[in-house]
Amino acid sequence: MMTALAAAALLVAPLTAIPEIYQGHWTTDRAACGGEDTQGVHIEPLAITFYEARGVVRHVSQGSKGASARVDFTGEGKSWNEGVRFRPLPKGDLELTALGRTQTLARCSS
């Protein structure tokens, strides 16, 4: 029988990178895929890039509803650390909470 502590450890597991399921280029407007996408985000194993901000991933964990990361961002002459949340949605979409907002994003094909 699993203890409560062991069960809790399974719900939030530390990772070494953003899970592959969240990596790639994501956008709020599929028509912007392949062109200049000011609303999109590019997610790599250890980096997140928005139109005017780039972040270096410092810590990642996986929970029962998605993943979260602590990210050091720079952009527009400023630097800050922020939590980012990733939640998979039906049909392969992604709910991303970052930079003070939550967005539903669609994956652009490679």
Protein backbone atom coordinates (compact mmCIF):
# COMPACT_ATOMS: atom_id res chain seq x y z
CA MET A 1 0.00 0.00 0.00
CA MET A 2 1.32 3.45 -0.97
CA THR A 3 1.81 6.07 1.73
CA ALA A 4 0.39 9.57 1.32
CA LEU A 5 3.92 10.94 0.94
CA ALA A 6 4.75 8.49 -1.85
CA ALA A 7 1.48 9.32 -3.63
CA ALA A 8 2.21 13.04 -3.38
CA ALA A 9 5.68 12.47 -4.88
CA LEU A 10 4.05 10.91 -7.94
CA LEU A 11 1.81 13.96 -8.45
CA VAL A 12 4.70 16.45 -8.70
CA ALA A 13 7.89 14.99 -10.13
CA PRO A 14 10.99 17.11 -10.93
CA LEU A 15 12.23 16.99 -14.52
CA THR A 16 15.42 18.06 -16.29
CA ALA A 17 13.64 19.79 -19.21
CA ILE A 18 10.24 20.86 -20.50
CA PRO A 19 8.48 17.66 -21.64
CA GLU A 20 8.54 16.98 -25.38
CA ILE A 21 4.73 17.14 -25.61
CA TYR A 22 4.97 20.92 -24.97
CA GLN A 23 7.95 21.64 -27.22
CA GLY A 24 7.60 23.32 -30.60
CA HIS A 25 6.07 26.49 -31.99
CA TRP A 26 2.61 27.38 -30.69
CA THR A 27 0.30 30.22 -31.73
CA THR A 28 -3.08 31.75 -31.02
CA ASP A 29 -3.68 32.06 -34.79
CA ARG A 30 -2.89 29.09 -37.06
CA ALA A 31 -2.75 31.46 -40.04
CA ALA A 32 0.38 33.01 -38.49
CA CYS A 33 2.28 29.71 -38.63
CA GLY A 34 5.27 30.00 -40.93
CA GLY A 35 5.30 33.81 -40.94
CA GLU A 36 6.02 36.54 -38.42
CA ASP A 37 3.99 35.49 -35.41
CA THR A 38 3.76 38.21 -32.76
CA GLN A 39 1.35 36.12 -30.65
CA GLY A 40 3.28 32.86 -30.77
CA VAL A 41 5.68 31.14 -28.44
CA HIS A 42 8.55 28.77 -29.21
CA ILE A 43 9.19 26.17 -26.52
CA GLU A 44 12.49 24.27 -26.36
CA PRO A 45 13.72 21.81 -23.71
CA LEU A 46 15.38 24.59 -21.66
CA ALA A 47 14.12 27.84 -23.24
CA ILE A 48 10.89 29.68 -23.99
CA THR A 49 10.80 32.47 -26.57
CA PHE A 50 7.97 34.96 -27.02
CA TYR A 51 7.94 37.78 -29.57
CA GLU A 52 9.60 40.26 -27.17
CA ALA A 53 10.91 38.06 -24.34
CA ARG A 54 13.18 35.05 -24.00
CA GLY A 55 13.38 32.79 -20.98
CA VAL A 56 15.89 30.27 -19.68
CA VAL A 57 14.29 27.38 -17.80
CA ARG A 58 15.68 26.88 -14.28
CA HIS A 59 13.35 24.22 -12.84
CA VAL A 60 10.61 21.98 -14.29
CA SER A 61 8.11 19.72 -12.57
CA GLN A 62 5.32 17.48 -13.87
CA GLY A 63 1.99 17.28 -12.05
CA SER A 64 -1.25 15.43 -12.66
CA LYS A 65 -2.72 18.28 -14.79
CA GLY A 66 0.39 19.41 -16.67
CA ALA A 67 3.85 20.81 -16.10
CA SER A 68 5.23 23.94 -14.50
CA ALA A 69 8.57 25.71 -14.75
CA ARG A 70 10.52 28.53 -13.14
CA VAL A 71 11.95 30.68 -15.90
CA ASP A 72 14.43 33.59 -15.96
CA PHE A 73 13.09 35.99 -18.61
CA THR A 74 14.72 38.95 -20.36
CA GLY A 75 13.04 41.34 -22.76
CA GLU A 76 12.50 45.00 -23.49
CA GLY A 77 15.46 45.94 -21.26
CA LYS A 78 14.16 44.06 -18.19
CA SER A 79 14.93 40.78 -16.41
CA TRP A 80 12.60 38.78 -14.15
CA ASN A 81 11.85 35.30 -12.84
CA GLU A 82 8.38 33.87 -13.31
CA GLY A 83 6.44 30.65 -13.03
CA VAL A 84 5.06 29.18 -16.26
CA ARG A 85 2.35 26.51 -16.45
CA PHE A 86 1.68 24.08 -19.33
CA ARG A 87 -1.58 22.13 -19.56
CA PRO A 88 -2.45 19.84 -22.49
CA LEU A 89 -5.93 20.34 -23.95
CA PRO A 90 -8.11 18.16 -26.18
CA LYS A 91 -7.25 18.10 -29.90
CA GLY A 92 -3.55 18.68 -29.14
CA ASP A 93 -3.90 22.31 -28.04
CA LEU A 94 -1.98 23.81 -25.12
CA GLU A 95 -3.05 26.09 -22.30
CA LEU A 96 -0.05 28.22 -21.38
CA THR A 97 0.07 30.57 -18.41
CA ALA A 98 3.00 33.00 -18.66
CA LEU A 99 3.77 36.71 -18.77
CA GLY A 100 0.66 37.54 -16.76
CA ARG A 101 -1.89 35.81 -18.98
CA THR A 102 -3.35 32.43 -19.85
CA GLN A 103 -3.65 31.54 -23.54
CA THR A 104 -4.99 28.61 -25.52
CA LEU A 105 -2.45 27.81 -28.23
CA ALA A 106 -2.40 25.56 -31.29
CA ARG A 107 0.77 23.81 -32.44
CA CYS A 108 2.29 24.89 -35.74
CA SER A 109 3.59 22.05 -37.88
CA SER A 110 7.37 21.86 -38.23
